[in-house]
N, C-alpha and C. Protein backbone atom coordinates (compact mmCIF):
# COMPACT_ATOMS: atom_id res chain seq x y z
N MET A 1 -51.30 -21.91 47.55
CA MET A 1 -50.88 -21.14 46.65
C MET A 1 -51.02 -21.54 45.39
N GLN A 2 -51.75 -20.88 44.29
CA GLN A 2 -52.06 -21.22 43.29
C GLN A 2 -50.81 -20.80 42.37
N PRO A 3 -50.54 -21.15 41.10
CA PRO A 3 -49.57 -20.68 40.00
C PRO A 3 -50.12 -19.93 39.36
N ALA A 4 -48.82 -19.17 38.91
CA ALA A 4 -49.41 -17.35 38.38
C ALA A 4 -49.94 -17.89 36.84
N PRO A 5 -50.84 -16.95 36.61
CA PRO A 5 -51.57 -17.34 35.51
C PRO A 5 -50.70 -16.95 33.96
N VAL A 6 -50.32 -17.82 32.76
CA VAL A 6 -50.17 -17.65 31.72
C VAL A 6 -50.15 -16.74 31.34
N ARG A 7 -49.58 -15.62 30.87
CA ARG A 7 -49.85 -14.43 29.81
C ARG A 7 -49.67 -14.68 28.39
N ALA A 8 -50.53 -14.50 27.58
CA ALA A 8 -50.29 -15.03 25.75
C ALA A 8 -50.20 -13.61 25.07
N SER A 9 -48.72 -13.62 24.57
CA SER A 9 -48.68 -12.37 23.97
C SER A 9 -49.04 -12.53 22.43
N SER A 10 -48.98 -11.19 22.16
CA SER A 10 -49.79 -11.02 20.91
C SER A 10 -48.37 -10.93 20.02
N ALA A 11 -47.77 -10.46 20.12
CA ALA A 11 -45.92 -10.53 19.29
C ALA A 11 -45.44 -11.98 19.51
N PRO A 12 -44.84 -11.96 18.02
CA PRO A 12 -44.23 -13.56 18.48
C PRO A 12 -42.89 -13.16 19.22
N PRO A 13 -42.34 -14.07 19.78
CA PRO A 13 -40.96 -13.91 20.98
C PRO A 13 -39.90 -13.60 19.92
N THR A 14 -39.93 -13.31 18.83
CA THR A 14 -38.75 -12.85 18.08
C THR A 14 -38.30 -11.73 17.60
N ALA A 15 -39.91 -10.95 17.48
CA ALA A 15 -39.98 -9.46 17.12
C ALA A 15 -38.63 -8.36 18.28
N LEU A 16 -38.71 -7.51 17.26
CA LEU A 16 -37.46 -6.72 18.27
C LEU A 16 -38.40 -5.55 18.91
N PRO A 17 -38.00 -5.20 19.81
CA PRO A 17 -38.86 -3.90 20.38
C PRO A 17 -38.63 -2.66 19.91
N ALA A 18 -39.17 -1.95 19.55
CA ALA A 18 -39.66 -0.82 19.49
C ALA A 18 -38.43 0.40 19.06
N THR A 19 -37.87 0.16 20.11
CA THR A 19 -36.35 0.90 20.16
C THR A 19 -34.91 0.59 19.52
N LEU A 20 -35.60 -1.03 18.71
CA LEU A 20 -34.19 -1.19 18.06
C LEU A 20 -34.68 -1.36 16.57
N SER A 21 -34.87 -0.54 16.03
CA SER A 21 -35.30 -0.32 14.61
C SER A 21 -34.27 -0.51 13.69
N VAL A 22 -34.00 -0.99 12.93
CA VAL A 22 -33.10 -1.05 12.14
C VAL A 22 -33.19 -0.11 11.08
N ARG A 23 -32.15 0.69 10.76
CA ARG A 23 -31.99 1.59 10.00
C ARG A 23 -30.92 1.49 8.95
N PRO A 24 -31.39 2.09 7.50
CA PRO A 24 -30.53 1.57 6.32
C PRO A 24 -29.31 1.93 6.44
N PRO A 25 -28.30 1.77 5.79
CA PRO A 25 -27.09 2.04 6.36
C PRO A 25 -26.76 3.64 5.24
N SER A 26 -26.00 4.26 6.23
CA SER A 26 -25.55 5.67 5.71
C SER A 26 -24.67 5.54 4.44
N VAL A 27 -24.78 6.56 3.58
CA VAL A 27 -23.61 6.59 2.35
C VAL A 27 -22.47 6.49 2.80
N GLY A 28 -22.27 7.31 3.94
CA GLY A 28 -20.58 7.16 4.53
C GLY A 28 -20.03 6.07 5.16
N GLY A 29 -21.46 5.23 5.55
CA GLY A 29 -20.84 3.65 6.42
C GLY A 29 -20.54 2.78 5.27
N ALA A 30 -21.55 2.93 3.87
CA ALA A 30 -21.29 2.13 2.95
C ALA A 30 -19.74 2.59 2.44
N LEU A 31 -19.39 3.63 2.14
CA LEU A 31 -18.28 3.96 1.51
C LEU A 31 -17.08 3.55 2.53
N ARG A 32 -17.28 3.50 4.15
CA ARG A 32 -16.00 3.37 4.60
C ARG A 32 -15.85 1.36 4.45
N ALA A 33 -17.11 0.81 4.38
CA ALA A 33 -16.92 -0.70 4.23
C ALA A 33 -16.25 -0.74 2.65
N LEU A 34 -16.49 -0.13 1.93
CA LEU A 34 -16.28 -0.63 0.64
C LEU A 34 -14.67 -0.17 0.65
N GLU A 35 -14.13 1.15 1.34
CA GLU A 35 -12.77 1.21 1.32
C GLU A 35 -12.14 0.00 2.11
N GLY A 36 -12.57 -0.55 3.14
CA GLY A 36 -11.81 -1.90 3.77
C GLY A 36 -11.51 -2.52 3.15
N LEU A 37 -13.11 -3.25 2.31
CA LEU A 37 -12.69 -4.32 1.35
C LEU A 37 -11.72 -3.97 0.21
N LEU A 38 -11.75 -2.91 -0.38
CA LEU A 38 -10.46 -2.41 -1.28
C LEU A 38 -9.59 -2.39 -0.84
N MET A 39 -9.07 -2.04 0.54
CA MET A 39 -7.79 -1.46 0.91
C MET A 39 -6.98 -2.81 1.59
N ARG A 40 -7.70 -4.10 1.65
CA ARG A 40 -7.36 -5.24 1.81
C ARG A 40 -6.44 -6.06 0.86
N GLY A 41 -7.29 -5.74 -0.17
CA GLY A 41 -6.82 -6.39 -1.65
C GLY A 41 -5.53 -5.78 -1.73
N GLY A 42 -5.91 -4.66 -1.36
CA GLY A 42 -4.42 -3.19 -1.90
C GLY A 42 -3.46 -3.75 -1.04
N GLN A 43 -3.35 -4.05 0.08
CA GLN A 43 -2.44 -4.38 1.32
C GLN A 43 -1.58 -5.80 0.08
N ARG A 44 -2.34 -6.59 0.02
CA ARG A 44 -1.91 -7.64 -0.68
C ARG A 44 -1.39 -7.52 -2.07
N THR A 45 -1.77 -6.74 -2.60
CA THR A 45 -1.15 -6.07 -3.80
C THR A 45 0.08 -5.88 -3.47
N ALA A 46 0.29 -4.64 -2.88
CA ALA A 46 1.56 -3.95 -2.29
C ALA A 46 2.37 -4.97 -1.56
N ARG A 47 2.26 -5.93 -0.83
CA ARG A 47 3.05 -6.70 -0.54
C ARG A 47 3.60 -7.69 -1.92
N ARG A 48 2.70 -7.85 -2.90
CA ARG A 48 3.41 -8.91 -3.75
C ARG A 48 4.06 -7.93 -4.70
N ASN A 49 3.68 -6.84 -4.85
CA ASN A 49 4.66 -5.47 -5.60
C ASN A 49 6.10 -5.62 -4.86
N ALA A 50 5.65 -5.65 -3.62
CA ALA A 50 7.44 -5.21 -2.80
C ALA A 50 7.90 -6.77 -2.96
N TRP A 51 7.43 -7.90 -2.80
CA TRP A 51 8.48 -8.94 -2.92
C TRP A 51 9.19 -9.25 -4.38
N THR A 52 8.22 -8.41 -5.25
CA THR A 52 8.59 -8.65 -6.58
C THR A 52 10.08 -7.75 -6.53
N ALA A 53 9.69 -6.35 -6.27
CA ALA A 53 11.00 -5.84 -6.10
C ALA A 53 12.19 -5.97 -5.18
N VAL A 54 12.11 -6.93 -4.41
CA VAL A 54 13.05 -7.39 -3.46
C VAL A 54 13.86 -8.34 -4.48
N LEU A 55 12.92 -9.17 -5.47
CA LEU A 55 13.43 -10.52 -6.27
C LEU A 55 14.48 -9.66 -7.39
N GLU A 56 13.49 -8.66 -7.92
CA GLU A 56 14.51 -7.88 -9.14
C GLU A 56 15.53 -7.50 -8.95
N ASP A 57 15.42 -6.44 -7.41
CA ASP A 57 16.62 -6.13 -6.76
C ASP A 57 17.91 -7.15 -6.74
N ARG A 58 17.46 -8.22 -6.23
CA ARG A 58 18.67 -9.60 -6.13
C ARG A 58 19.24 -9.54 -7.56
N ARG A 59 18.57 -10.05 -8.45
CA ARG A 59 18.74 -10.37 -9.70
C ARG A 59 19.40 -9.31 -10.67
N ARG A 60 19.47 -7.94 -10.04
CA ARG A 60 20.36 -6.84 -10.56
C ARG A 60 21.60 -7.05 -9.73
N ALA A 61 21.62 -6.91 -8.44
CA ALA A 61 23.10 -7.32 -7.58
C ALA A 61 23.63 -8.17 -8.40
N LYS A 62 22.91 -9.45 -8.38
CA LYS A 62 23.90 -10.73 -9.13
C LYS A 62 24.49 -10.32 -10.45
N ASP A 63 23.73 -10.01 -11.60
CA ASP A 63 24.17 -9.59 -12.75
C ASP A 63 25.26 -8.41 -12.49
N ARG A 64 25.05 -7.49 -11.52
CA ARG A 64 26.28 -6.57 -11.36
C ARG A 64 27.35 -7.09 -11.05
N ARG A 65 27.45 -7.83 -9.67
CA ARG A 65 28.60 -8.91 -9.15
C ARG A 65 29.28 -9.81 -10.54
N GLU A 66 28.57 -10.26 -11.57
CA GLU A 66 29.14 -11.55 -12.59
C GLU A 66 29.62 -10.47 -13.64
N ALA A 67 28.95 -8.73 -13.93
CA ALA A 67 29.67 -8.08 -14.70
C ALA A 67 31.26 -7.51 -14.51
N GLN A 68 31.26 -7.32 -13.00
CA GLN A 68 32.32 -6.45 -12.13
C GLN A 68 33.19 -7.70 -12.31
N HIS A 69 32.87 -9.25 -12.11
CA HIS A 69 33.91 -10.63 -12.04
C HIS A 69 34.55 -9.98 -13.82
N LEU A 70 33.36 -10.36 -14.23
CA LEU A 70 34.18 -10.25 -15.77
C LEU A 70 34.92 -9.10 -16.14
N LEU A 71 34.56 -7.56 -15.95
CA LEU A 71 35.36 -6.90 -16.02
C LEU A 71 36.54 -6.67 -15.41
N GLU A 72 36.82 -7.32 -14.39
CA GLU A 72 38.13 -7.29 -13.06
C GLU A 72 39.03 -8.33 -14.06
N ALA A 73 38.56 -9.31 -14.81
CA ALA A 73 39.42 -10.70 -15.24
C ALA A 73 39.87 -10.05 -16.71
N VAL A 74 39.04 -9.60 -17.22
CA VAL A 74 39.53 -8.59 -18.41
C VAL A 74 40.66 -7.87 -18.16
N ALA A 75 40.30 -7.01 -17.36
CA ALA A 75 41.29 -5.41 -17.25
C ALA A 75 42.52 -6.46 -16.51
N ALA A 76 42.92 -7.56 -15.72
CA ALA A 76 43.61 -7.96 -15.46
C ALA A 76 44.87 -8.34 -16.42
N PRO A 77 46.26 -8.08 -15.90
CA PRO A 77 47.14 -8.69 -17.11
C PRO A 77 47.60 -9.92 -16.65
N GLY A 78 48.15 -10.59 -17.83
CA GLY A 78 48.09 -12.11 -17.39
C GLY A 78 47.44 -12.88 -18.42
N PRO A 79 47.06 -14.38 -17.69
CA PRO A 79 46.31 -14.95 -18.73
C PRO A 79 45.04 -14.80 -18.53
N GLN A 80 43.94 -14.85 -19.09
CA GLN A 80 42.23 -15.00 -19.10
C GLN A 80 42.02 -15.86 -18.37
N ALA A 81 40.97 -15.71 -17.15
CA ALA A 81 40.38 -16.38 -16.33
C ALA A 81 39.00 -16.35 -16.26
N THR A 82 38.60 -16.69 -17.22
CA THR A 82 37.26 -16.54 -17.30
C THR A 82 36.17 -17.81 -17.57
């Protein structure tokens, strides 16, 4: 029995078949990719803005408590306890 002959191919082994041709991206696809990139940064900015708002609300609540304490101390009869 003889081994099968080796066939030489004219195309390099990394060439894509004709059915797998690469198409340029569509405008819609490019816009979706751009939107995806922008939304990721937007989510990061939204989280940062939300955390800043939480900290600001806490600061205002602390200021309100201190102001309420001072008003109650001024309105109370007797010696001033400030």
